[in-house]
């Protein structure tokens, strides 16, 4: 598994999102996902939306995924 594959999977599941994934060791990844679909959702719900795009890979080929999930407005303020 590599960062670009994880990024592609998230992007396919959330086509309106901007996605950046890093993970040089191939099992631990960090992702920034910016999506208007996150508006009004708590962090746990946002993370579940991203995890849903990865399905059974979570806990298997993807050992760990650290997420930052932001709306476009939140991303612009940072």
N, C-alpha and C. Protein backbone atom coordinates (compact mmCIF):
# COMPACT_ATOMS: atom_id res chain seq x y z
N UNK A 1 0.85 -1.17 0.00
CA UNK A 1 0.00 0.00 0.00
C UNK A 1 0.90 1.23 0.00
N UNK A 2 0.51 2.23 -0.76
CA UNK A 2 1.28 3.47 -0.76
C UNK A 2 0.34 4.67 -0.63
N UNK A 3 0.91 5.82 -0.38
CA UNK A 3 0.14 7.04 -0.14
C UNK A 3 -0.78 7.39 -1.31
N UNK A 4 -0.29 7.23 -2.52
CA UNK A 4 -1.11 7.61 -3.67
C UNK A 4 -2.32 6.70 -3.82
N UNK A 5 -2.19 5.42 -3.47
CA UNK A 5 -3.33 4.51 -3.53
C UNK A 5 -4.38 4.90 -2.50
N UNK A 6 -3.94 5.19 -1.28
CA UNK A 6 -4.87 5.62 -0.23
C UNK A 6 -5.56 6.92 -0.65
N UNK A 7 -4.79 7.84 -1.18
CA UNK A 7 -5.36 9.11 -1.64
C UNK A 7 -6.40 8.88 -2.73
N UNK A 8 -6.11 8.02 -3.68
CA UNK A 8 -7.05 7.72 -4.77
C UNK A 8 -8.34 7.10 -4.24
N UNK A 9 -8.22 6.19 -3.28
CA UNK A 9 -9.41 5.54 -2.72
C UNK A 9 -10.32 6.55 -2.02
N UNK A 10 -9.71 7.43 -1.22
CA UNK A 10 -10.50 8.46 -0.54
C UNK A 10 -11.13 9.38 -1.57
N UNK A 11 -10.35 9.77 -2.57
CA UNK A 11 -10.85 10.69 -3.60
C UNK A 11 -12.01 10.09 -4.38
N UNK A 12 -11.93 8.80 -4.69
CA UNK A 12 -13.03 8.15 -5.41
C UNK A 12 -14.30 8.09 -4.57
N UNK A 13 -14.13 7.88 -3.26
CA UNK A 13 -15.28 7.80 -2.37
C UNK A 13 -15.86 9.15 -2.00
N UNK A 14 -15.03 10.19 -2.12
CA UNK A 14 -15.46 11.55 -1.80
C UNK A 14 -14.97 12.47 -2.92
N UNK A 15 -15.59 12.39 -4.10
CA UNK A 15 -15.06 13.10 -5.27
C UNK A 15 -15.01 14.62 -5.14
N UNK A 16 -15.80 15.20 -4.24
CA UNK A 16 -15.79 16.64 -4.08
C UNK A 16 -14.68 17.12 -3.14
N UNK A 17 -13.98 16.19 -2.51
CA UNK A 17 -12.98 16.52 -1.50
C UNK A 17 -11.62 16.81 -2.12
N UNK A 18 -10.84 17.58 -1.38
CA UNK A 18 -9.41 17.75 -1.68
C UNK A 18 -8.69 16.87 -0.68
N UNK A 19 -7.82 16.01 -1.17
CA UNK A 19 -7.20 14.98 -0.33
C UNK A 19 -5.69 15.02 -0.49
N UNK A 20 -4.99 14.99 0.65
CA UNK A 20 -3.52 14.86 0.66
C UNK A 20 -3.20 13.74 1.64
N UNK A 21 -2.39 12.78 1.20
CA UNK A 21 -2.02 11.66 2.05
C UNK A 21 -0.50 11.50 2.04
N UNK A 22 0.06 11.29 3.23
CA UNK A 22 1.48 10.98 3.39
C UNK A 22 1.60 9.71 4.20
N UNK A 23 2.61 8.92 3.91
CA UNK A 23 2.84 7.69 4.66
C UNK A 23 4.02 6.94 4.10
N UNK A 24 5.21 7.38 4.43
CA UNK A 24 6.40 6.80 3.81
C UNK A 24 6.67 5.33 4.14
N UNK A 25 6.08 4.80 5.23
CA UNK A 25 6.39 3.41 5.57
C UNK A 25 5.40 2.40 4.99
N UNK A 26 4.32 2.89 4.35
CA UNK A 26 3.39 1.99 3.68
C UNK A 26 2.33 1.35 4.56
N UNK A 27 2.33 1.64 5.87
CA UNK A 27 1.29 1.11 6.75
C UNK A 27 0.69 2.16 7.67
N UNK A 28 1.44 3.22 7.94
CA UNK A 28 0.97 4.33 8.76
C UNK A 28 0.82 5.55 7.86
N UNK A 29 -0.37 6.14 7.86
CA UNK A 29 -0.64 7.25 6.96
C UNK A 29 -1.23 8.44 7.70
N UNK A 30 -0.99 9.62 7.14
CA UNK A 30 -1.61 10.86 7.62
C UNK A 30 -2.35 11.45 6.43
N UNK A 31 -3.60 11.87 6.68
CA UNK A 31 -4.39 12.43 5.59
C UNK A 31 -5.04 13.74 6.01
N UNK A 32 -5.07 14.66 5.08
CA UNK A 32 -5.84 15.89 5.20
C UNK A 32 -6.95 15.78 4.17
N UNK A 33 -8.19 15.85 4.64
CA UNK A 33 -9.34 15.75 3.75
C UNK A 33 -10.20 17.00 3.97
N UNK A 34 -10.38 17.78 2.91
CA UNK A 34 -11.18 18.99 2.96
C UNK A 34 -12.41 18.77 2.09
N UNK A 35 -13.58 18.83 2.73
CA UNK A 35 -14.81 18.53 1.99
C UNK A 35 -15.98 19.35 2.51
N UNK A 36 -16.80 19.86 1.59
CA UNK A 36 -18.02 20.55 2.02
C UNK A 36 -19.00 19.59 2.69
N UNK A 37 -18.87 18.29 2.45
CA UNK A 37 -19.76 17.30 3.07
C UNK A 37 -19.57 17.23 4.58
N UNK A 38 -18.48 17.78 5.11
CA UNK A 38 -18.22 17.75 6.55
C UNK A 38 -18.98 18.83 7.31
N UNK A 39 -19.58 19.77 6.62
CA UNK A 39 -20.27 20.88 7.27
C UNK A 39 -21.35 20.36 8.23
N UNK A 40 -21.30 20.85 9.46
CA UNK A 40 -22.29 20.49 10.46
C UNK A 40 -22.08 19.14 11.10
N UNK A 41 -20.98 18.45 10.77
CA UNK A 41 -20.72 17.12 11.32
C UNK A 41 -19.61 17.19 12.37
N UNK A 42 -19.77 16.37 13.40
CA UNK A 42 -18.74 16.26 14.43
C UNK A 42 -17.53 15.49 13.87
N UNK A 43 -16.37 15.66 14.50
CA UNK A 43 -15.16 14.97 14.00
C UNK A 43 -15.33 13.47 13.83
N UNK A 44 -15.99 12.80 14.76
CA UNK A 44 -16.15 11.35 14.64
C UNK A 44 -16.93 10.98 13.38
N UNK A 45 -17.98 11.72 13.08
CA UNK A 45 -18.77 11.45 11.87
C UNK A 45 -17.94 11.72 10.62
N UNK A 46 -17.13 12.74 10.64
CA UNK A 46 -16.25 13.05 9.51
C UNK A 46 -15.26 11.90 9.28
N UNK A 47 -14.67 11.41 10.36
CA UNK A 47 -13.70 10.32 10.23
C UNK A 47 -14.36 9.06 9.70
N UNK A 48 -15.57 8.79 10.16
CA UNK A 48 -16.29 7.61 9.66
C UNK A 48 -16.55 7.73 8.16
N UNK A 49 -16.82 8.92 7.69
CA UNK A 49 -17.04 9.12 6.25
C UNK A 49 -15.79 8.75 5.47
N UNK A 50 -14.62 9.16 5.98
CA UNK A 50 -13.36 8.84 5.30
C UNK A 50 -13.07 7.35 5.41
N UNK A 51 -13.23 6.78 6.60
CA UNK A 51 -12.98 5.35 6.78
C UNK A 51 -13.85 4.51 5.85
N UNK A 52 -15.06 4.95 5.61
CA UNK A 52 -15.98 4.21 4.73
C UNK A 52 -15.42 4.11 3.31
N UNK A 53 -14.63 5.07 2.89
CA UNK A 53 -14.04 5.01 1.55
C UNK A 53 -12.94 3.96 1.45
N UNK A 54 -12.41 3.55 2.59
CA UNK A 54 -11.29 2.60 2.61
C UNK A 54 -11.72 1.18 2.95
N UNK A 55 -12.93 1.04 3.48
CA UNK A 55 -13.50 -0.28 3.74
C UNK A 55 -12.60 -1.18 4.57
N UNK A 56 -12.45 -2.41 4.10
CA UNK A 56 -11.72 -3.44 4.84
C UNK A 56 -10.21 -3.23 4.88
N UNK A 57 -9.71 -2.28 4.14
CA UNK A 57 -8.27 -2.00 4.20
C UNK A 57 -7.87 -1.44 5.56
N UNK A 58 -8.82 -0.75 6.23
CA UNK A 58 -8.53 -0.20 7.55
C UNK A 58 -8.32 -1.34 8.54
N UNK A 59 -7.23 -1.26 9.27
CA UNK A 59 -6.90 -2.31 10.23
C UNK A 59 -6.19 -3.49 9.60
N UNK A 60 -6.13 -3.50 8.29
CA UNK A 60 -5.42 -4.56 7.58
C UNK A 60 -4.20 -3.97 6.91
N UNK A 61 -4.34 -3.73 5.59
CA UNK A 61 -3.22 -3.14 4.85
C UNK A 61 -2.89 -1.73 5.33
N UNK A 62 -3.90 -1.03 5.81
CA UNK A 62 -3.67 0.29 6.40
C UNK A 62 -3.74 0.10 7.91
N UNK A 63 -2.57 0.08 8.53
CA UNK A 63 -2.51 -0.19 9.97
C UNK A 63 -3.02 1.00 10.77
N UNK A 64 -2.66 2.21 10.34
CA UNK A 64 -3.07 3.41 11.08
C UNK A 64 -3.26 4.56 10.10
N UNK A 65 -4.29 5.37 10.39
CA UNK A 65 -4.57 6.53 9.56
C UNK A 65 -4.91 7.69 10.48
N UNK A 66 -4.04 8.69 10.49
CA UNK A 66 -4.28 9.92 11.25
C UNK A 66 -4.98 10.89 10.33
N UNK A 67 -6.13 11.41 10.77
CA UNK A 67 -6.95 12.26 9.91
C UNK A 67 -7.08 13.68 10.42
N UNK A 68 -7.02 14.61 9.49
CA UNK A 68 -7.47 16.00 9.71
C UNK A 68 -8.59 16.19 8.71
N UNK A 69 -9.78 16.45 9.21
CA UNK A 69 -10.95 16.60 8.35
C UNK A 69 -11.51 18.01 8.55
N UNK A 70 -11.55 18.77 7.46
CA UNK A 70 -11.97 20.16 7.53
C UNK A 70 -12.98 20.48 6.44
N UNK A 71 -13.84 21.46 6.71
CA UNK A 71 -14.66 22.03 5.66
C UNK A 71 -13.80 23.01 4.89
N UNK A 72 -14.19 23.41 3.69
CA UNK A 72 -13.41 24.42 2.96
C UNK A 72 -13.23 25.71 3.76
N UNK A 73 -14.27 26.15 4.47
CA UNK A 73 -14.16 27.37 5.29
C UNK A 73 -13.13 27.20 6.41
N UNK A 74 -13.14 26.05 7.07
CA UNK A 74 -12.17 25.78 8.14
C UNK A 74 -10.75 25.76 7.57
N UNK A 75 -10.58 25.15 6.42
CA UNK A 75 -9.25 25.07 5.80
C UNK A 75 -8.76 26.47 5.41
N UNK A 76 -9.63 27.29 4.94
CA UNK A 76 -9.25 28.64 4.52
C UNK A 76 -8.80 29.48 5.72
N UNK A 77 -9.42 29.26 6.88
CA UNK A 77 -9.06 30.02 8.08
C UNK A 77 -7.72 29.60 8.63
N UNK A 78 -7.28 28.38 8.30
CA UNK A 78 -5.99 27.90 8.84
C UNK A 78 -4.93 28.27 7.90
